[in-house]
C-alpha cells in the first residue's frame, strides 16, 4: 500500500467511530447535492470515497429499487461505521481504491464524491478512473457540505491559490480527465461541482 493510502486510512480510521456525530446536520446538504446530480429511476451510481455512507440513502431514493447504488471506500473502519448506521441497506459497500475500481468500463450512470478531491493522491489519474467507469454523457458530482472558505476557516487555514477545488484549477483538471465542468457553486453552505463525461 502506498504512503498516500496509509495516510488516508490512518486519518479516517481514527475518526470513523464519531464521524457522523461530528457533522449531524449535513443530511439536507447531501440530499440537495444528490438531487442536483439528476439521477433517474433505475440508474447505476457510485459513491466514491463513501465514508460512513451518508450519501447512500438519498442516492437510493433517487434511483429507486430498480437502481444500483455502490459505496466504495479505502478505509475499513468507515465502511464498518456505515454498516452500524444501517446504510448498507441502501447500497452495496466495497472496500476498494478509487484509483483502481473493480468495475467494468462505462457501467455506471453517475459518480458522487463528497470531500473526495482533496484526498486523491493523483487527482488527474483518479478522476480518469472515475470517468472510465461512467458511460459517455454520465455525470459526476464533487461535493462538500460547506464551501471552501468555511472549510479552511474550520481548519484554521486560508484558501490558497493552488486549491484543487478552485474553479480555475478544477475546470482544466476535469477536462484533462475526461469530464466537462457544467456547474460550479462555492458558497459558505456548500461546494458542488457538476461535470459530464465526454465521449
Protein backbone atom coordinates (compact mmCIF):
# COMPACT_ATOMS: atom_id res chain seq x y z
CA UNK A 1 0.00 0.00 0.00
CA UNK A 2 1.34 3.46 -0.86
CA UNK A 3 2.16 6.06 1.77
CA UNK A 4 -0.77 8.13 0.45
CA UNK A 5 -3.15 5.26 1.11
CA UNK A 6 -1.71 4.64 4.55
CA UNK A 7 -2.11 8.31 5.45
CA UNK A 8 -5.74 8.39 4.26
CA UNK A 9 -6.58 5.18 6.12
CA UNK A 10 -4.95 6.38 9.34
CA UNK A 11 -6.69 9.76 9.14
CA UNK A 12 -10.17 8.30 8.61
CA UNK A 13 -9.75 5.21 10.82
CA UNK A 14 -9.08 7.48 13.79
CA UNK A 15 -12.27 9.45 13.07
CA UNK A 16 -14.70 6.79 11.84
CA UNK A 17 -16.45 5.98 15.12
CA UNK A 18 -17.69 9.52 15.77
CA UNK A 19 -17.69 10.90 12.20
CA UNK A 20 -21.47 11.17 11.88
CA UNK A 21 -21.91 12.71 15.33
CA UNK A 22 -19.33 15.39 14.47
CA UNK A 23 -21.43 16.53 11.49
CA UNK A 24 -25.04 15.78 12.48
CA UNK A 25 -26.69 18.46 10.33
CA UNK A 26 -25.23 17.56 6.93
CA UNK A 27 -28.13 15.35 5.78
CA UNK A 28 -30.12 18.04 3.93
CA UNK A 29 -26.99 19.25 2.10
CA UNK A 30 -26.26 15.69 0.92
CA UNK A 31 -29.86 15.26 -0.24
CA UNK A 32 -29.77 18.57 -2.15
CA UNK A 33 -26.49 17.65 -3.86
CA UNK A 34 -27.85 14.26 -4.87
CA UNK A 35 -30.94 15.97 -6.29
CA UNK A 36 -28.69 18.24 -8.36
CA UNK A 37 -26.99 15.16 -9.83
CA UNK A 38 -30.19 14.49 -11.79
CA UNK A 39 -30.42 10.75 -11.23
CA UNK A 40 -33.37 8.78 -12.61
CA UNK A 41 -35.18 5.65 -11.54
CA UNK A 42 -33.05 2.62 -12.46
CA UNK A 43 -29.73 4.49 -12.73
CA UNK A 44 -26.46 2.96 -11.52
CA UNK A 45 -24.47 5.26 -9.23
CA UNK A 46 -21.21 5.09 -7.30
CA UNK A 47 -20.47 6.97 -4.08
CA UNK A 48 -16.67 7.25 -4.42
CA UNK A 49 -14.97 7.56 -1.04
CA UNK A 50 -18.32 6.92 0.62
CA UNK A 51 -17.03 7.05 4.19
CA UNK A 52 -19.86 6.27 6.60
CA UNK A 53 -22.33 6.23 3.72
CA UNK A 54 -24.20 9.46 4.39
CA UNK A 55 -24.99 9.86 0.68
CA UNK A 56 -26.32 6.32 0.26
CA UNK A 57 -29.92 6.93 1.50
CA UNK A 58 -30.56 9.90 -0.85
CA UNK A 59 -28.82 8.07 -3.71
CA UNK A 60 -31.06 5.04 -3.15
CA UNK A 61 -34.14 7.28 -3.02
CA UNK A 62 -33.10 8.87 -6.32
CA UNK A 63 -32.53 5.64 -8.27
CA UNK A 64 -35.30 3.61 -6.62
CA UNK A 65 -35.46 -0.11 -6.03
CA UNK A 66 -34.53 -0.89 -9.64
CA UNK A 67 -31.34 1.18 -9.49
CA UNK A 68 -27.88 0.19 -8.30
CA UNK A 69 -26.05 2.06 -5.53
CA UNK A 70 -22.42 1.24 -4.75
CA UNK A 71 -20.32 2.74 -2.00
CA UNK A 72 -16.54 2.42 -2.28
CA UNK A 73 -14.06 3.40 0.40
CA UNK A 74 -10.41 2.69 1.17
CA UNK A 75 -10.87 2.63 4.96
CA UNK A 76 -12.42 -0.48 6.57
CA UNK A 77 -13.39 1.46 9.72
CA UNK A 78 -15.51 3.89 7.70
CA UNK A 79 -17.34 1.03 5.96
CA UNK A 80 -17.89 -0.63 9.34
CA UNK A 81 -19.43 2.63 10.61
CA UNK A 82 -21.69 2.68 7.53
CA UNK A 83 -22.89 -0.83 8.36
CA UNK A 84 -23.51 0.11 12.02
CA UNK A 85 -25.63 3.03 10.78
CA UNK A 86 -27.63 0.61 8.60
CA UNK A 87 -26.62 2.32 5.37
CA UNK A 88 -25.58 -0.97 3.79
CA UNK A 89 -29.33 -1.46 3.22
CA UNK A 90 -29.22 1.43 0.73
CA UNK A 91 -26.20 0.32 -1.28
CA UNK A 92 -23.55 -2.33 -1.70
CA UNK A 93 -20.36 -1.41 0.17
CA UNK A 94 -16.97 -2.26 -1.35
CA UNK A 95 -13.51 -1.94 0.17
CA UNK A 96 -11.63 -0.55 -2.81
CA UNK A 97 -9.44 2.25 -4.07
CA UNK A 98 -10.90 4.84 -6.46
CA UNK A 99 -7.59 4.61 -8.33
CA UNK A 100 -8.40 1.02 -9.41
CA UNK A 101 -12.12 0.37 -9.24
CA UNK A 102 -13.32 -3.24 -9.53
CA UNK A 103 -15.98 -2.15 -12.06
CA UNK A 104 -16.49 -2.57 -15.80
CA UNK A 105 -15.87 0.40 -18.08
CA UNK A 106 -18.94 2.54 -18.83
CA UNK A 107 -21.01 0.51 -16.33
CA UNK A 108 -22.35 3.48 -14.31
CA UNK A 109 -24.55 6.49 -14.96
CA UNK A 110 -23.06 8.73 -12.29
CA UNK A 111 -20.46 9.19 -9.56
CA UNK A 112 -20.95 11.14 -6.34
CA UNK A 113 -17.83 12.19 -4.43
CA UNK A 114 -18.20 14.00 -1.10
CA UNK A 115 -14.96 15.54 0.17
CA UNK A 116 -13.13 13.38 -2.33
CA UNK A 117 -10.87 15.58 -4.46
CA UNK A 118 -8.64 16.84 -1.65
CA UNK A 119 -7.84 13.23 -0.63
CA UNK A 120 -6.90 11.94 -4.09
CA UNK A 121 -3.15 11.21 -4.27
CA UNK A 122 -3.09 11.58 -8.07
CA UNK A 123 -6.15 13.68 -8.93
CA UNK A 124 -5.86 13.57 -12.73
CA UNK A 125 -5.34 9.78 -12.84
CA UNK A 126 -8.00 9.18 -10.20
CA UNK A 127 -10.60 11.32 -11.99
CA UNK A 128 -9.76 9.46 -15.23
CA UNK A 129 -10.51 6.20 -13.43
CA UNK A 130 -13.89 7.59 -12.36
CA UNK A 131 -14.52 8.61 -15.98
CA UNK A 132 -13.63 5.09 -17.13
CA UNK A 133 -16.47 3.51 -15.18
CA UNK A 134 -19.10 6.07 -16.27
CA UNK A 135 -20.89 5.93 -19.61
CA UNK A 136 -20.46 8.85 -22.04
CA UNK A 137 -22.91 11.55 -21.00
CA UNK A 138 -22.92 10.31 -17.41
CA UNK A 139 -22.37 12.71 -14.56
CA UNK A 140 -20.00 13.46 -11.69
CA UNK A 141 -20.76 15.47 -8.55
CA UNK A 142 -17.88 16.69 -6.40
CA UNK A 143 -19.46 17.89 -3.19
CA UNK A 144 -18.72 19.19 0.27
CA UNK A 145 -21.42 20.25 2.78
CA UNK A 146 -19.62 23.54 3.38
CA UNK A 147 -17.75 25.79 0.97
CA UNK A 148 -14.01 26.14 0.56
CA UNK A 149 -13.65 29.29 2.69
CA UNK A 150 -15.76 27.88 5.53
CA UNK A 151 -13.84 24.60 5.45
CA UNK A 152 -10.48 26.38 5.51
CA UNK A 153 -11.64 28.51 8.45
CA UNK A 154 -12.79 25.37 10.30
CA UNK A 155 -9.24 24.05 9.99
CA UNK A 156 -7.63 27.40 10.87
CA UNK A 157 -6.27 27.94 7.37
CA UNK A 158 -6.67 30.33 4.46
CA UNK A 159 -7.70 29.28 0.96
CA UNK A 160 -4.61 29.04 -1.21
CA UNK A 161 -4.44 29.66 -4.99
CA UNK A 162 -3.36 26.05 -5.59
CA UNK A 163 -6.56 24.60 -4.03
CA UNK A 164 -7.70 21.90 -6.48
CA UNK A 165 -11.32 22.85 -5.87
CA UNK A 166 -10.85 26.44 -7.07
CA UNK A 167 -12.70 26.72 -10.38
CA UNK A 168 -9.62 27.84 -12.40
CA UNK A 169 -7.82 24.69 -11.19
CA UNK A 170 -10.72 22.26 -11.23
CA UNK A 171 -12.02 23.03 -14.72
CA UNK A 172 -8.79 22.05 -16.57
CA UNK A 173 -8.18 19.14 -14.19
CA UNK A 174 -11.58 17.70 -15.06
CA UNK A 175 -11.19 18.47 -18.77
CA UNK A 176 -7.90 16.59 -18.86
CA UNK A 177 -9.52 13.63 -17.11
CA UNK A 178 -12.49 13.05 -19.41
CA UNK A 179 -15.01 15.39 -17.78
CA UNK A 180 -16.59 18.72 -18.74
CA UNK A 181 -17.47 21.04 -15.84
CA UNK A 182 -21.10 22.15 -16.24
CA UNK A 183 -21.88 23.82 -12.91
CA UNK A 184 -19.80 25.25 -10.08
CA UNK A 185 -21.07 26.52 -6.71
CA UNK A 186 -18.82 27.52 -3.83
CA UNK A 187 -20.83 29.13 -1.03
CA UNK A 188 -20.48 29.01 2.76
CA UNK A 189 -23.25 26.41 2.89
CA UNK A 190 -21.92 24.06 0.20
CA UNK A 191 -19.43 23.27 -2.51
CA UNK A 192 -20.77 21.48 -5.58
CA UNK A 193 -19.09 20.97 -8.94
CA UNK A 194 -21.03 19.03 -11.55
CA UNK A 195 -19.41 17.54 -14.64
CA UNK A 196 -20.43 15.43 -17.62
CA UNK A 197 -18.43 12.51 -19.03
CA UNK A 198 -17.17 13.19 -22.54
CA UNK A 199 -17.44 10.78 -25.45
